[in-house]
Amino acid sequence: MNKNMFASDNYSGVCPSAWQALAEANRGFARAYGDDDWTRRACNALRTFFETDCQIFFVFNGTAANSLALASLCRSYHSIICHELAHVETDECGASEFFSNGTKVLLVPGIAGKVDLEAVRHTVERRTDIHYPKPRVLSLTQATEVGSVYQPAEMAEIGALAKALHLKLHVDGARFANALASLHVTPAEISWRAGVDVLTFGGTKNGMPFGEAVVFFNPCLAEEFDYRCKQAGQLASKMRYLAAPWVGMLKDGSLLANAAHANAMARLLAERLVEIPSIRLIHPVEANAVFVQMPSALIDALHEAGWHFYTFIGTGHARFMCSWQTSAAEVEHFSAVVKQLASQHDR
């Protein structure tokens, strides 16, 4: 059994519908740089998915998607407000600042990985002088870095606040499909209808080999975004390979089915782990992440046994991720291993 399987949903393979679409796109020749039928079909499929006319661009990875999207919303003297645990702050090597030519990232706290709205308001209103980097964008993560999900009412409230504060609203949707599967709402309800201007829609974590979609619900904000992609090395010459998986997964419904399965496996894993007396659930399981508190000796024992997972969110907090490829049998096996090792260390 692969002992890396719970480390990250990035560790999973390519799902069948994405693989099949790639195989079909690989037959013969196609025009380059996005001027091909697969890219057009993918864009149209996403417009249908979101029930609106939007501008869509495909890039290789999430860091490029987020940083280029945010750069398109800002000038160098602006600032981006995000949660202190947000990926754009903690895990993208300053890419947002780099591609925006120095835009400052301002951090706010919030329970369960969600931005505190009063903190957002305070950050915007505490200073309005020319010496302060002018707040321009509010960036959310859906689902959040700790696996929580913004509810539709929360998204609507955030959208209204952003509008009132004259902020553009960006959503890092690396696991947007998992949020949709959790909420059982339409994509439109927690995106453009809630006031979202730009969404970076993740495909890699949900069964694609690579590729994210940058979706501009406000087309005016997408002006010359293609030039940003080219300059940043994100304009794929064989764009059809970035676009084709979206066609396949949207056509057969696996985009949301994969996410729903990953979420279900996370719930099962959480149920099994909390049966062990020395393990405590840290955050409710709302998407495909499980965060638990466990003894450091147990963490060490699992690592020594070859199991790979992350403990970067606070001392003793272990994160386990489930993916489209995670099976119930694998969850049961891993849970049994944890239970056995825990019993040894509890003696």
Protein backbone atom coordinates (compact mmCIF):
# COMPACT_ATOMS: atom_id res chain seq x y z
CA MET A 1 0.00 0.00 0.00
CA ASN A 2 1.28 3.48 -0.90
CA LYS A 3 2.19 5.22 2.33
CA ASN A 4 2.07 8.68 0.73
CA MET A 5 -1.62 8.54 -0.07
CA PHE A 6 -2.84 10.76 2.79
CA ALA A 7 -0.12 13.39 2.49
CA SER A 8 -1.80 15.46 -0.21
CA ASP A 9 -4.48 15.22 -2.87
CA ASN A 10 -1.70 16.29 -5.24
CA TYR A 11 -0.19 12.84 -4.79
CA SER A 12 -3.07 11.10 -6.56
CA GLY A 13 -2.97 9.98 -10.17
CA VAL A 14 -4.95 11.13 -13.19
CA CYS A 15 -8.60 10.12 -13.16
CA PRO A 16 -9.97 8.04 -16.09
CA SER A 17 -12.09 10.76 -17.69
CA ALA A 18 -9.19 13.22 -17.72
CA TRP A 19 -6.86 10.56 -19.10
CA GLN A 20 -9.34 9.63 -21.81
CA ALA A 21 -9.80 13.26 -22.81
CA LEU A 22 -6.03 13.65 -23.08
CA ALA A 23 -5.84 10.59 -25.28
CA GLU A 24 -8.52 11.99 -27.57
CA ALA A 25 -6.81 15.39 -27.70
CA ASN A 26 -3.59 13.62 -28.68
CA ARG A 27 -4.98 12.35 -31.98
CA GLY A 28 -3.51 14.28 -34.84
CA PHE A 29 -2.72 17.97 -35.06
CA ALA A 30 -4.29 21.03 -33.44
CA ARG A 31 -3.61 24.75 -33.60
CA ALA A 32 -1.29 26.12 -30.92
CA TYR A 33 -1.49 28.63 -28.06
CA GLY A 34 -5.16 28.06 -27.25
CA ASP A 35 -6.54 28.58 -30.73
CA ASP A 36 -7.88 25.03 -30.84
CA ASP A 37 -11.22 23.28 -30.50
CA TRP A 38 -10.40 21.67 -27.14
CA THR A 39 -9.70 25.02 -25.50
CA ARG A 40 -12.86 26.51 -26.97
CA ARG A 41 -14.90 23.52 -25.78
CA ALA A 42 -13.41 23.76 -22.29
CA CYS A 43 -14.19 27.46 -22.02
CA ASN A 44 -17.76 26.94 -23.21
CA ALA A 45 -18.21 24.01 -20.80
CA LEU A 46 -17.08 26.19 -17.90
CA ARG A 47 -19.41 28.98 -18.97
CA THR A 48 -22.26 26.48 -18.90
CA PHE A 49 -21.07 25.18 -15.55
CA PHE A 50 -21.13 28.67 -14.04
CA GLU A 51 -24.25 29.77 -15.95
CA THR A 52 -22.66 32.99 -17.13
CA ASP A 53 -20.47 34.47 -19.84
CA CYS A 54 -16.99 34.69 -18.32
CA GLN A 55 -13.41 34.99 -19.52
CA ILE A 56 -11.31 31.85 -18.91
CA PHE A 57 -7.59 31.20 -19.09
CA PHE A 58 -5.72 27.96 -18.42
CA VAL A 59 -2.39 27.90 -16.61
CA PHE A 60 -0.16 25.12 -15.36
CA ASN A 61 -0.46 25.45 -11.59
CA GLY A 62 -2.16 27.14 -8.66
CA THR A 63 0.63 29.55 -7.79
CA ALA A 64 0.53 30.98 -11.30
CA ALA A 65 -3.26 31.12 -11.26
CA ASN A 66 -3.44 33.00 -7.97
CA SER A 67 -0.51 35.34 -8.45
CA LEU A 68 -1.39 36.35 -12.00
CA ALA A 69 -5.06 36.80 -11.15
CA LEU A 70 -4.20 38.98 -8.16
CA ALA A 71 -1.66 40.95 -10.17
CA SER A 72 -4.34 41.71 -12.74
CA LEU A 73 -6.44 43.32 -9.99
CA CYS A 74 -3.69 45.45 -8.44
CA ARG A 75 -1.12 48.11 -9.03
CA SER A 76 2.16 48.10 -7.15
CA TYR A 77 0.92 50.51 -4.47
CA HIS A 78 -2.17 48.43 -3.68
CA SER A 79 -2.61 45.72 -1.06
CA ILE A 80 -4.29 42.32 -0.92
CA ILE A 81 -6.15 41.28 2.23
CA CYS A 82 -6.22 37.57 3.05
CA HIS A 83 -6.38 35.17 5.98
CA GLU A 84 -3.13 34.64 7.84
CA LEU A 85 -3.14 30.96 6.81
CA ALA A 86 -3.96 31.64 3.15
CA HIS A 87 -1.91 29.78 0.56
CA VAL A 88 -1.08 33.04 -1.24
CA GLU A 89 0.67 34.14 1.96
CA THR A 90 2.24 30.96 3.32
CA ASP A 91 3.03 28.72 0.34
CA GLU A 92 3.60 30.69 -2.85
CA CYS A 93 7.07 32.13 -2.28
CA GLY A 94 5.93 35.74 -2.61
CA ALA A 95 4.56 35.17 -6.11
CA SER A 96 1.64 37.57 -5.66
CA GLU A 97 4.02 40.35 -4.65
CA PHE A 98 6.45 39.46 -7.43
CA PHE A 99 3.99 39.40 -10.33
CA SER A 100 2.18 42.52 -9.10
CA ASN A 101 5.47 44.41 -8.90
CA GLY A 102 5.34 44.78 -5.13
CA THR A 103 1.69 44.77 -4.03
CA LYS A 104 1.63 44.21 -0.27
CA VAL A 105 -0.24 41.31 1.33
CA LEU A 106 -2.08 42.29 4.52
CA LEU A 107 -3.12 39.50 6.88
CA VAL A 108 -6.28 39.15 8.96
CA PRO A 109 -7.22 36.50 11.51
CA GLY A 110 -10.35 34.39 11.56
CA ILE A 111 -11.76 31.23 13.08
CA ALA A 112 -11.51 27.99 11.09
CA GLY A 113 -9.44 29.55 8.32
CA LYS A 114 -12.16 32.06 7.39
CA VAL A 115 -11.48 35.79 7.29
CA ASP A 116 -12.95 37.80 10.14
CA LEU A 117 -15.09 40.45 8.47
CA GLU A 118 -14.58 43.05 11.18
CA ALA A 119 -10.84 42.56 10.82
CA VAL A 120 -11.20 43.08 7.07
CA ARG A 121 -13.15 46.28 7.61
CA HIS A 122 -10.62 47.51 10.17
CA THR A 123 -7.73 46.78 7.80
CA VAL A 124 -9.36 48.85 5.07
CA GLU A 125 -10.57 51.74 7.23
CA ARG A 126 -7.81 52.13 9.81
CA ARG A 127 -5.79 54.31 7.46
CA THR A 128 -6.61 56.16 4.27
CA ASP A 129 -3.47 58.26 3.92
CA ILE A 130 -1.06 58.06 1.01
CA HIS A 131 1.59 56.32 3.14
CA TYR A 132 -0.52 53.18 3.52
CA PRO A 133 -0.74 50.52 0.75
CA LYS A 134 -4.25 51.07 -0.52
CA PRO A 135 -6.44 47.96 -0.01
CA ARG A 136 -7.63 46.74 -3.38
CA VAL A 137 -8.46 43.02 -3.16
CA LEU A 138 -9.96 40.63 -0.64
CA SER A 139 -8.74 37.09 -1.30
CA LEU A 140 -10.57 34.05 0.13
CA THR A 141 -9.75 30.35 -0.03
CA GLN A 142 -12.65 27.98 -0.77
CA ALA A 143 -12.33 25.36 0.74
CA THR A 144 -9.99 26.94 3.30
CA GLU A 145 -6.53 25.83 4.34
CA VAL A 146 -8.00 23.98 7.32
CA GLY A 147 -10.74 22.28 5.33
CA SER A 148 -13.64 24.51 6.29
CA VAL A 149 -16.14 25.73 3.70
CA TYR A 150 -17.69 29.17 3.32
CA GLN A 151 -21.47 28.76 3.32
CA PRO A 152 -23.57 30.56 0.65
CA ALA A 153 -24.80 33.10 3.19
CA GLU A 154 -21.24 33.79 4.28
CA MET A 155 -20.15 34.28 0.67
CA ALA A 156 -23.02 36.69 0.07
CA GLU A 157 -22.11 38.66 3.19
CA ILE A 158 -18.45 38.82 2.16
CA GLY A 159 -19.39 39.89 -1.35
CA ALA A 160 -21.55 42.70 0.01
CA LEU A 161 -18.77 43.88 2.32
CA ALA A 162 -16.21 43.81 -0.47
CA LYS A 163 -18.48 45.92 -2.64
CA ALA A 164 -19.11 48.37 0.19
CA LEU A 165 -15.38 48.72 0.83
CA HIS A 166 -14.60 49.02 -2.91
CA LEU A 167 -12.56 45.82 -2.91
CA LYS A 168 -12.33 43.29 -5.70
CA LEU A 169 -13.11 39.75 -4.53
CA HIS A 170 -10.75 36.92 -5.48
CA VAL A 171 -11.26 33.26 -4.55
CA ASP A 172 -8.46 30.74 -4.44
CA GLY A 173 -10.46 27.70 -5.50
CA ALA A 174 -7.77 25.03 -5.49
CA ARG A 175 -10.45 22.84 -3.85
CA PHE A 176 -13.49 24.70 -5.12
CA ALA A 177 -14.98 21.45 -6.41
CA ASN A 178 -14.75 19.97 -2.90
CA ALA A 179 -16.60 22.99 -1.54
CA LEU A 180 -19.32 22.59 -4.17
CA ALA A 181 -19.70 18.90 -3.40
CA SER A 182 -19.95 19.69 0.30
CA LEU A 183 -22.51 22.47 -0.04
CA HIS A 184 -24.71 20.93 -2.76
CA VAL A 185 -25.23 24.32 -4.38
CA THR A 186 -24.75 25.58 -7.91
CA PRO A 187 -21.31 26.97 -8.83
CA ALA A 188 -22.92 30.33 -9.56
CA GLU A 189 -24.34 30.63 -6.05
CA ILE A 190 -20.94 30.79 -4.35
CA SER A 191 -19.10 32.61 -7.11
CA TRP A 192 -20.34 35.45 -9.29
CA ARG A 193 -23.80 35.66 -7.72
CA ALA A 194 -22.07 36.22 -4.38
CA GLY A 195 -19.93 39.00 -5.82
CA VAL A 196 -16.77 37.08 -6.75
CA ASP A 197 -14.81 38.87 -9.46
CA VAL A 198 -12.13 36.25 -10.15
CA LEU A 199 -11.92 32.56 -9.26
CA THR A 200 -8.88 30.36 -9.67
CA PHE A 201 -10.49 26.96 -10.20
CA GLY A 202 -8.32 23.99 -9.29
CA GLY A 203 -8.11 20.89 -11.45
CA THR A 204 -4.86 19.25 -10.37
CA LYS A 205 -6.05 18.26 -6.89
CA ASN A 206 -9.24 16.80 -8.32
CA GLY A 207 -7.94 14.27 -10.83
CA MET A 208 -6.26 16.24 -13.58
CA PRO A 209 -2.56 15.80 -14.39
CA PHE A 210 -1.96 19.56 -14.28
CA GLY A 211 -3.78 22.77 -14.94
CA GLU A 212 -5.98 25.39 -13.28
CA ALA A 213 -8.59 27.67 -14.78
CA VAL A 214 -8.56 31.40 -14.06
CA VAL A 215 -12.19 32.50 -14.37
CA PHE A 216 -12.98 36.21 -14.66
CA PHE A 217 -16.64 36.85 -13.94
CA ASN A 218 -15.99 40.54 -14.56
CA PRO A 219 -14.59 40.44 -18.12
CA CYS A 220 -13.20 43.98 -17.85
CA LEU A 221 -10.69 42.72 -15.30
CA ALA A 222 -9.31 40.22 -17.82
CA GLU A 223 -7.95 42.89 -20.13
CA GLU A 224 -4.55 41.78 -21.46
CA PHE A 225 -4.44 38.83 -19.05
CA ASP A 226 -3.22 36.74 -21.97
CA TYR A 227 -0.10 38.92 -22.04
CA ARG A 228 0.45 38.28 -18.33
CA CYS A 229 0.26 34.55 -18.98
CA LYS A 230 2.73 34.78 -21.84
CA GLN A 231 5.20 36.90 -19.87
CA ALA A 232 5.02 34.52 -16.89
CA GLY A 233 5.66 31.42 -18.99
CA GLN A 234 2.08 30.18 -18.58
CA LEU A 235 0.93 30.33 -22.19
CA ALA A 236 1.09 26.68 -23.22
CA SER A 237 1.92 26.13 -26.87
CA LYS A 238 -0.02 22.85 -26.80
CA MET A 239 -2.88 24.35 -24.79
CA ARG A 240 -5.23 21.52 -25.70
CA TYR A 241 -3.55 19.31 -23.09
CA LEU A 242 -4.41 21.80 -20.35
CA ALA A 243 -7.96 22.22 -21.62
CA ALA A 244 -8.97 18.67 -22.59
CA PRO A 245 -9.29 17.27 -19.02
CA TRP A 246 -11.83 19.99 -18.21
CA VAL A 247 -13.91 18.91 -21.19
CA GLY A 248 -13.85 15.27 -20.18
CA MET A 249 -14.53 15.79 -16.48
CA LEU A 250 -17.32 18.33 -16.99
CA LYS A 251 -18.95 16.21 -19.66
CA ASP A 252 -19.28 13.04 -17.58
CA GLY A 253 -19.78 14.72 -14.21
CA SER A 254 -16.58 13.37 -12.68
CA LEU A 255 -15.42 16.86 -11.70
CA LEU A 256 -17.95 16.96 -8.86
CA ALA A 257 -18.15 13.19 -8.39
CA ASN A 258 -14.41 13.04 -7.68
CA ALA A 259 -14.70 15.81 -5.13
CA ALA A 260 -17.71 14.21 -3.44
CA HIS A 261 -15.83 10.92 -3.16
CA ALA A 262 -12.78 12.61 -1.64
CA ASN A 263 -15.01 14.38 0.87
CA ALA A 264 -16.72 11.12 1.81
CA MET A 265 -13.40 9.38 2.36
CA ALA A 266 -12.28 12.24 4.62
CA ARG A 267 -15.42 11.88 6.72
CA LEU A 268 -14.83 8.14 7.02
CA LEU A 269 -11.21 8.67 8.00
CA ALA A 270 -12.20 11.20 10.66
CA GLU A 271 -14.79 8.82 12.07
CA ARG A 272 -12.20 6.07 12.39
CA LEU A 273 -9.44 8.23 13.84
CA VAL A 274 -11.57 9.77 16.59
CA GLU A 275 -12.40 6.27 17.80
CA ILE A 276 -8.80 6.21 19.08
CA PRO A 277 -8.74 7.76 22.60
CA SER A 278 -5.48 9.69 22.12
CA ILE A 279 -6.65 11.43 18.92
CA ARG A 280 -8.85 14.53 18.82
CA LEU A 281 -10.43 16.16 15.78
CA ILE A 282 -9.29 19.79 15.46
CA HIS A 283 -11.61 21.06 12.72
CA PRO A 284 -14.96 19.78 11.45
CA VAL A 285 -14.54 17.80 8.24
CA GLU A 286 -16.32 19.83 5.58
CA ALA A 287 -14.21 19.00 2.52
CA ASN A 288 -11.44 16.45 1.93
CA ALA A 289 -9.05 17.35 4.77
CA VAL A 290 -8.81 15.83 8.25
CA PHE A 291 -6.94 17.74 10.96
CA VAL A 292 -6.30 15.94 14.22
CA GLN A 293 -4.32 16.37 17.42
CA MET A 294 -2.29 13.28 18.21
CA PRO A 295 0.62 12.54 20.54
CA SER A 296 4.03 13.40 19.13
CA ALA A 297 5.18 9.85 19.84
CA LEU A 298 2.42 8.52 17.58
CA ILE A 299 3.34 10.98 14.83
CA ASP A 300 6.95 9.82 15.06
CA ALA A 301 5.90 6.17 15.01
CA LEU A 302 3.83 6.68 11.86
CA HIS A 303 6.69 8.50 10.15
CA GLU A 304 9.13 5.77 11.17
CA ALA A 305 6.73 3.21 9.70
CA GLY A 306 6.97 5.05 6.39
CA TRP A 307 3.68 6.98 6.41
CA HIS A 308 4.03 10.47 4.98
CA PHE A 309 1.77 13.32 6.09
CA TYR A 310 2.16 16.93 7.13
CA THR A 311 2.17 18.51 10.57
CA PHE A 312 2.71 22.12 9.57
CA ILE A 313 -0.48 23.64 11.03
CA GLY A 314 0.56 24.03 14.65
CA THR A 315 2.44 21.69 16.96
CA GLY A 316 0.91 18.24 17.05
CA HIS A 317 -1.75 18.98 14.45
CA ALA A 318 -1.54 16.36 11.72
CA ARG A 319 -3.22 16.83 8.34
CA PHE A 320 -4.51 13.93 6.29
CA MET A 321 -5.87 14.54 2.78
CA CYS A 322 -8.16 12.30 0.77
CA SER A 323 -8.50 12.34 -3.01
CA TRP A 324 -10.60 10.95 -5.83
CA GLN A 325 -8.36 7.89 -5.71
CA THR A 326 -8.65 7.14 -1.99
CA SER A 327 -10.62 3.97 -1.30
CA ALA A 328 -12.60 2.96 1.77
CA ALA A 329 -10.36 -0.09 2.11
CA GLU A 330 -7.28 2.14 2.26
CA VAL A 331 -8.92 4.32 4.90
CA GLU A 332 -9.76 1.26 6.99
CA HIS A 333 -6.24 -0.13 6.64
CA PHE A 334 -4.56 3.12 7.62
CA SER A 335 -6.93 3.61 10.55
CA ALA A 336 -6.10 0.12 11.80
CA VAL A 337 -2.37 0.91 11.58
CA VAL A 338 -2.86 4.11 13.57
CA LYS A 339 -4.95 2.29 16.16
CA GLN A 340 -2.33 -0.43 16.56
CA LEU A 341 0.54 2.03 16.94
CA ALA A 342 -1.49 4.16 19.34
CA SER A 343 -2.19 1.17 21.56
CA GLN A 344 1.52 0.37 21.68
CA HIS A 345 2.40 3.88 22.81
CA ASP A 346 -0.48 4.09 25.30
CA ARG A 347 0.81 1.13 27.32
